[in-house]
Amino acid sequence: MADTVLYEVSDGLATITLNRPEAMNAMNTEAKVALRDAVQSAAADEAVRAVLLTAAGERAFCVGQDLKEHVGSLMADRADGKGRTMNTVREHYNPIVRALTGMRKPVVAAVNGVAAGAGFGFALCADYRIAADHASFNTSFAGVALTADSGVSWTLPRLIGPGRATDLLLFPRSLKVQEAYELGIVNRVVPGAELAAEALKVARTLAEGPTVAYAALKEAVAYSADHSLDETLDKEDELQTRAGASEDHTIAVQAFLAKEKPKYLGR
């Protein structure tokens, strides 16, 4: 992996760190490729049972596209007429979003500062978001005459409703962390100095949990968003059968009867 994104696996937890603090973790091509590779590796690795997505520095989680690089690419496109710049959505952002949302293991985002544009989108892809008390969120896209990418048009309306999502998309503004918490964008707010430890604690708890059940829960919630109640009940039946056949379910029941804490295997 390139050093613009750090990737480490320890005791079932993959930690992915955006590592361009001098640029507020803006996504240049190198970083986008590295992040794509990291999340796809975490998704495919059976030894990984949870993922922690975090960022270096204290100012920003990620401010989205690196506009300095972007402007240079736009000028090159205009010069040769090939129009390759916006291919980044298909080549980078979409694979990142698909891997984060579709992986069969929980993802925790530790938002340590500004999350804007695609950075906001990456945070929204997580299953659980913990934010520092100085963090903020901004859709940003319309502010640079662009539409939403990085999954924001899908994730944001599902969290806060289409009306509020459209408002934030049409009129980009800095959304302070308390408002984000009240809207349901953030699950937990902690002092900035405690963010790293708290996020690691949550992520490690998930990495030690019943992985098959977590995967089923993610699938059930995603499925229910655009299916009928009857279809969702059938899906719950399918997923519960799968979870019930897992080793972890047997371990959990035996531990409950023995009044012990279960030690899950993740299968």
Protein backbone atom coordinates (compact mmCIF):
# COMPACT_ATOMS: atom_id res chain seq x y z
CA MET A 1 0.00 0.00 0.00
CA ALA A 2 1.15 3.55 -0.69
CA ASP A 3 1.91 5.64 2.39
CA THR A 4 -0.97 8.02 1.54
CA VAL A 5 -3.11 5.30 3.13
CA LEU A 6 -1.87 3.04 5.91
CA TYR A 7 -3.19 -0.51 6.30
CA GLU A 8 -2.68 -2.78 9.29
CA VAL A 9 -4.35 -5.97 10.48
CA SER A 10 -4.13 -7.04 14.12
CA ASP A 11 -6.25 -9.57 16.03
CA GLY A 12 -9.02 -9.57 13.45
CA LEU A 13 -9.18 -5.78 13.10
CA ALA A 14 -8.08 -3.99 9.94
CA THR A 15 -7.19 -0.36 10.53
CA ILE A 16 -7.21 1.86 7.44
CA THR A 17 -5.74 5.32 7.98
CA LEU A 18 -6.00 8.16 5.49
CA ASN A 19 -2.52 9.65 5.71
CA ARG A 20 -2.25 13.03 4.01
CA PRO A 21 -2.74 15.32 7.01
CA GLU A 22 -0.80 18.13 5.34
CA ALA A 23 -3.53 18.20 2.67
CA MET A 24 -6.43 17.60 5.10
CA ASN A 25 -6.43 14.02 3.79
CA ALA A 26 -7.67 15.15 0.38
CA MET A 27 -7.87 12.34 -2.14
CA ASN A 28 -5.31 12.55 -4.92
CA THR A 29 -5.02 9.67 -7.37
CA GLU A 30 -2.40 7.87 -5.31
CA ALA A 31 -4.58 8.03 -2.20
CA LYS A 32 -7.70 6.90 -4.06
CA VAL A 33 -5.93 3.87 -5.48
CA ALA A 34 -4.44 3.01 -2.09
CA LEU A 35 -7.77 3.37 -0.30
CA ARG A 36 -9.54 1.28 -2.93
CA ASP A 37 -6.93 -1.46 -2.57
CA ALA A 38 -7.05 -1.33 1.23
CA VAL A 39 -10.83 -1.64 1.59
CA GLN A 40 -10.97 -4.39 -1.02
CA SER A 41 -8.21 -6.28 0.82
CA ALA A 42 -10.07 -5.94 4.11
CA ALA A 43 -13.31 -7.14 2.52
CA ALA A 44 -11.65 -10.22 1.00
CA ASP A 45 -9.52 -11.21 4.00
CA GLU A 46 -11.33 -13.84 6.09
CA ALA A 47 -9.00 -13.07 9.01
CA VAL A 48 -10.44 -9.54 9.16
CA ARG A 49 -13.59 -9.43 11.28
CA ALA A 50 -14.04 -5.64 11.54
CA VAL A 51 -12.60 -2.51 9.95
CA LEU A 52 -11.67 0.83 11.49
CA LEU A 53 -11.50 3.71 9.01
CA THR A 54 -9.65 6.67 10.46
CA ALA A 55 -7.38 9.54 9.44
CA ALA A 56 -4.12 11.15 10.46
CA GLY A 57 -4.01 14.61 12.01
CA GLU A 58 -6.58 16.60 13.96
CA ARG A 59 -8.02 18.98 11.35
CA ALA A 60 -9.69 16.66 8.89
CA PHE A 61 -11.00 13.17 8.34
CA CYS A 62 -11.06 13.80 4.59
CA VAL A 63 -12.06 16.86 2.56
CA GLY A 64 -12.78 14.80 -0.55
CA GLN A 65 -11.18 15.24 -3.95
CA ASP A 66 -7.79 16.95 -4.07
CA LEU A 67 -8.87 19.99 -6.09
CA LYS A 68 -5.31 21.03 -6.93
CA GLU A 69 -4.74 17.77 -8.76
CA HIS A 70 -8.29 17.88 -10.13
CA VAL A 71 -7.84 21.30 -11.77
CA GLY A 72 -4.65 20.13 -13.46
CA SER A 73 -6.47 17.08 -14.82
CA LEU A 74 -9.35 19.20 -16.10
CA MET A 75 -6.96 21.47 -17.97
CA ALA A 76 -5.24 18.44 -19.51
CA ASP A 77 -8.65 17.09 -20.57
CA ARG A 78 -9.52 20.34 -22.27
CA ALA A 79 -6.19 20.35 -24.05
CA ASP A 80 -6.46 16.85 -25.53
CA GLY A 81 -10.26 16.45 -25.49
CA LYS A 82 -10.15 13.00 -23.88
CA GLY A 83 -12.20 13.83 -20.75
CA ARG A 84 -10.62 11.29 -18.42
CA THR A 85 -10.82 13.24 -15.16
CA MET A 86 -14.32 12.18 -14.11
CA ASN A 87 -13.48 8.51 -14.71
CA THR A 88 -12.31 8.62 -11.09
CA VAL A 89 -15.89 8.03 -9.95
CA ARG A 90 -16.07 4.73 -11.80
CA GLU A 91 -12.45 3.71 -11.21
CA HIS A 92 -11.98 4.77 -7.59
CA TYR A 93 -14.97 6.09 -5.65
CA ASN A 94 -17.51 3.47 -6.70
CA PRO A 95 -15.26 0.48 -5.87
CA ILE A 96 -14.42 2.05 -2.50
CA VAL A 97 -18.09 2.55 -1.65
CA ARG A 98 -19.09 -0.92 -2.80
CA ALA A 99 -16.35 -2.53 -0.71
CA LEU A 100 -17.14 -0.52 2.44
CA THR A 101 -20.91 -1.02 2.30
CA GLY A 102 -20.90 -4.57 0.96
CA MET A 103 -18.21 -6.23 3.06
CA ARG A 104 -19.56 -8.95 5.35
CA LYS A 105 -18.09 -7.40 8.47
CA PRO A 106 -18.76 -4.18 10.39
CA VAL A 107 -17.00 -0.91 9.55
CA VAL A 108 -16.38 1.85 12.10
CA ALA A 109 -15.45 5.37 11.01
CA ALA A 110 -13.55 7.61 13.43
CA VAL A 111 -14.19 11.16 12.20
CA ASN A 112 -11.45 13.35 13.64
CA GLY A 113 -12.29 16.65 11.91
CA VAL A 114 -13.80 17.91 8.67
CA ALA A 115 -15.52 15.29 6.51
CA ALA A 116 -16.51 16.89 3.21
CA GLY A 117 -17.50 15.70 -0.25
CA ALA A 118 -16.20 12.19 -0.84
CA GLY A 119 -14.79 12.24 2.71
CA PHE A 120 -18.34 12.66 4.00
CA GLY A 121 -19.37 9.87 1.65
CA PHE A 122 -16.75 7.47 3.01
CA ALA A 123 -17.87 8.17 6.58
CA LEU A 124 -21.49 7.52 5.60
CA CYS A 125 -20.48 4.13 4.21
CA ALA A 126 -19.48 2.95 7.68
CA ASP A 127 -21.89 1.00 9.85
CA TYR A 128 -21.00 3.05 12.93
CA ARG A 129 -19.63 6.59 13.11
CA ILE A 130 -17.81 8.06 16.09
CA ALA A 131 -16.87 11.73 15.81
CA ALA A 132 -14.65 14.11 17.73
CA ASP A 133 -16.48 17.02 19.32
CA HIS A 134 -14.83 19.42 16.86
CA ALA A 135 -15.73 17.42 13.74
CA SER A 136 -17.96 18.80 11.00
CA PHE A 137 -19.62 17.54 7.83
CA ASN A 138 -20.30 19.12 4.45
CA THR A 139 -21.68 17.69 1.22
CA SER A 140 -19.62 20.28 -0.74
CA PHE A 141 -20.48 18.97 -4.21
CA ALA A 142 -22.79 21.76 -5.39
CA GLY A 143 -20.29 24.29 -4.09
CA VAL A 144 -17.92 23.26 -6.89
CA ALA A 145 -20.71 22.72 -9.46
CA LEU A 146 -20.78 18.94 -9.14
CA THR A 147 -23.42 16.38 -8.24
CA ALA A 148 -23.08 13.81 -5.48
CA ASP A 149 -20.73 10.86 -5.71
CA SER A 150 -19.11 8.41 -3.27
CA GLY A 151 -22.58 7.02 -2.55
CA VAL A 152 -23.89 10.15 -0.80
CA SER A 153 -27.10 10.27 -2.85
CA TRP A 154 -27.87 6.76 -1.54
CA THR A 155 -26.55 6.80 2.02
CA LEU A 156 -27.55 10.29 3.19
CA PRO A 157 -31.29 10.10 2.36
CA ARG A 158 -31.49 6.74 4.09
CA LEU A 159 -30.04 8.22 7.26
CA ILE A 160 -31.89 11.55 7.46
CA GLY A 161 -34.65 11.38 4.84
CA PRO A 162 -34.76 12.70 1.27
CA GLY A 163 -35.95 16.20 2.21
CA ARG A 164 -33.13 16.96 4.61
CA ALA A 165 -30.59 15.25 2.35
CA THR A 166 -31.68 17.40 -0.62
CA ASP A 167 -31.38 20.53 1.52
CA LEU A 168 -27.80 19.67 2.49
CA LEU A 169 -26.93 18.80 -1.11
CA LEU A 170 -28.46 21.89 -2.70
CA PHE A 171 -27.16 24.27 -0.03
CA PRO A 172 -23.81 22.93 1.21
CA ARG A 173 -22.86 24.14 4.67
CA SER A 174 -20.70 23.10 7.56
CA LEU A 175 -22.78 20.79 9.69
CA LYS A 176 -21.51 20.88 13.27
CA VAL A 177 -21.13 17.61 15.07
CA GLN A 178 -24.01 18.12 17.51
CA GLU A 179 -26.46 18.72 14.68
CA ALA A 180 -25.04 15.73 12.84
CA TYR A 181 -25.63 13.64 15.96
CA GLU A 182 -29.19 14.89 16.32
CA LEU A 183 -29.90 14.09 12.65
CA GLY A 184 -28.57 10.56 13.08
CA ILE A 185 -25.48 10.99 10.91
CA VAL A 186 -23.19 10.39 13.90
CA ASN A 187 -23.72 7.58 16.40
CA ARG A 188 -21.42 8.86 19.14
CA VAL A 189 -19.57 12.10 19.95
CA VAL A 190 -16.48 12.13 22.15
CA PRO A 191 -13.80 14.69 23.08
CA GLY A 192 -11.14 14.87 20.40
CA ALA A 193 -8.45 13.57 22.74
CA GLU A 194 -10.53 10.43 23.39
CA LEU A 195 -11.53 9.65 19.81
CA ALA A 196 -8.73 7.26 18.87
CA ALA A 197 -9.10 5.16 22.03
CA GLU A 198 -12.90 5.08 21.91
CA ALA A 199 -13.02 4.17 18.22
CA LEU A 200 -10.45 1.43 18.72
CA LYS A 201 -12.45 0.06 21.65
CA VAL A 202 -15.66 -0.09 19.60
CA ALA A 203 -13.91 -1.60 16.58
CA ARG A 204 -12.14 -4.25 18.66
CA THR A 205 -15.43 -5.18 20.34
CA LEU A 206 -16.94 -5.76 16.92
CA ALA A 207 -13.87 -7.69 15.75
CA GLU A 208 -14.38 -10.06 18.68
CA GLY A 209 -18.10 -10.44 18.05
CA PRO A 210 -20.32 -12.83 16.04
CA THR A 211 -19.15 -11.98 12.52
CA VAL A 212 -21.76 -14.06 10.69
CA ALA A 213 -24.56 -12.36 12.62
CA TYR A 214 -23.10 -8.91 11.93
CA ALA A 215 -22.93 -9.70 8.21
CA ALA A 216 -26.54 -10.82 8.26
CA LEU A 217 -27.62 -7.67 10.10
CA LYS A 218 -25.89 -5.46 7.50
CA GLU A 219 -27.55 -7.37 4.69
CA ALA A 220 -30.98 -7.25 6.34
CA VAL A 221 -30.90 -3.49 6.88
CA ALA A 222 -29.72 -2.81 3.33
CA TYR A 223 -32.33 -5.16 1.88
CA SER A 224 -35.24 -3.69 3.84
CA ALA A 225 -34.55 -0.20 2.47
CA ASP A 226 -36.07 -0.99 -0.91
CA HIS A 227 -38.15 -4.14 -0.41
CA SER A 228 -41.65 -4.79 0.92
CA LEU A 229 -42.40 -6.13 4.38
CA ASP A 230 -43.23 -9.57 3.00
CA GLU A 231 -39.98 -9.68 1.03
CA THR A 232 -38.06 -8.49 4.08
CA LEU A 233 -39.64 -11.17 6.27
CA ASP A 234 -38.53 -13.81 3.78
CA LYS A 235 -35.04 -12.31 3.81
CA GLU A 236 -35.00 -12.38 7.63
CA ASP A 237 -35.94 -16.07 7.51
CA GLU A 238 -33.08 -16.77 5.11
CA LEU A 239 -30.54 -14.78 7.11
CA GLN A 240 -31.64 -16.13 10.48
CA THR A 241 -31.25 -19.67 9.18
CA ARG A 242 -27.71 -18.80 8.15
CA ALA A 243 -26.89 -17.16 11.48
CA GLY A 244 -28.46 -20.02 13.42
CA ALA A 245 -26.19 -22.51 11.67
CA SER A 246 -23.04 -20.60 12.65
CA GLU A 247 -20.59 -21.86 15.23
CA ASP A 248 -20.89 -18.54 17.01
CA HIS A 249 -24.60 -19.05 17.65
CA THR A 250 -23.92 -22.38 19.36
CA ILE A 251 -21.11 -20.77 21.36
CA ALA A 252 -23.43 -17.93 22.41
CA VAL A 253 -26.22 -20.22 23.57
CA GLN A 254 -23.85 -22.49 25.49
CA ALA A 255 -22.20 -19.49 27.14
CA PHE A 256 -25.59 -18.05 28.09
CA LEU A 257 -26.65 -21.29 29.77
CA ALA A 258 -23.30 -21.54 31.55
CA LYS A 259 -23.52 -17.85 32.56
CA GLU A 260 -20.20 -17.16 30.87
CA LYS A 261 -19.02 -14.57 28.38
CA PRO A 262 -18.94 -16.09 24.87
CA LYS A 263 -15.66 -16.24 22.98
CA TYR A 264 -16.66 -15.98 19.35
CA LEU A 265 -14.71 -17.51 16.48
CA GLY A 266 -16.18 -15.35 13.74
CA ARG A 267 -17.73 -18.26 11.87
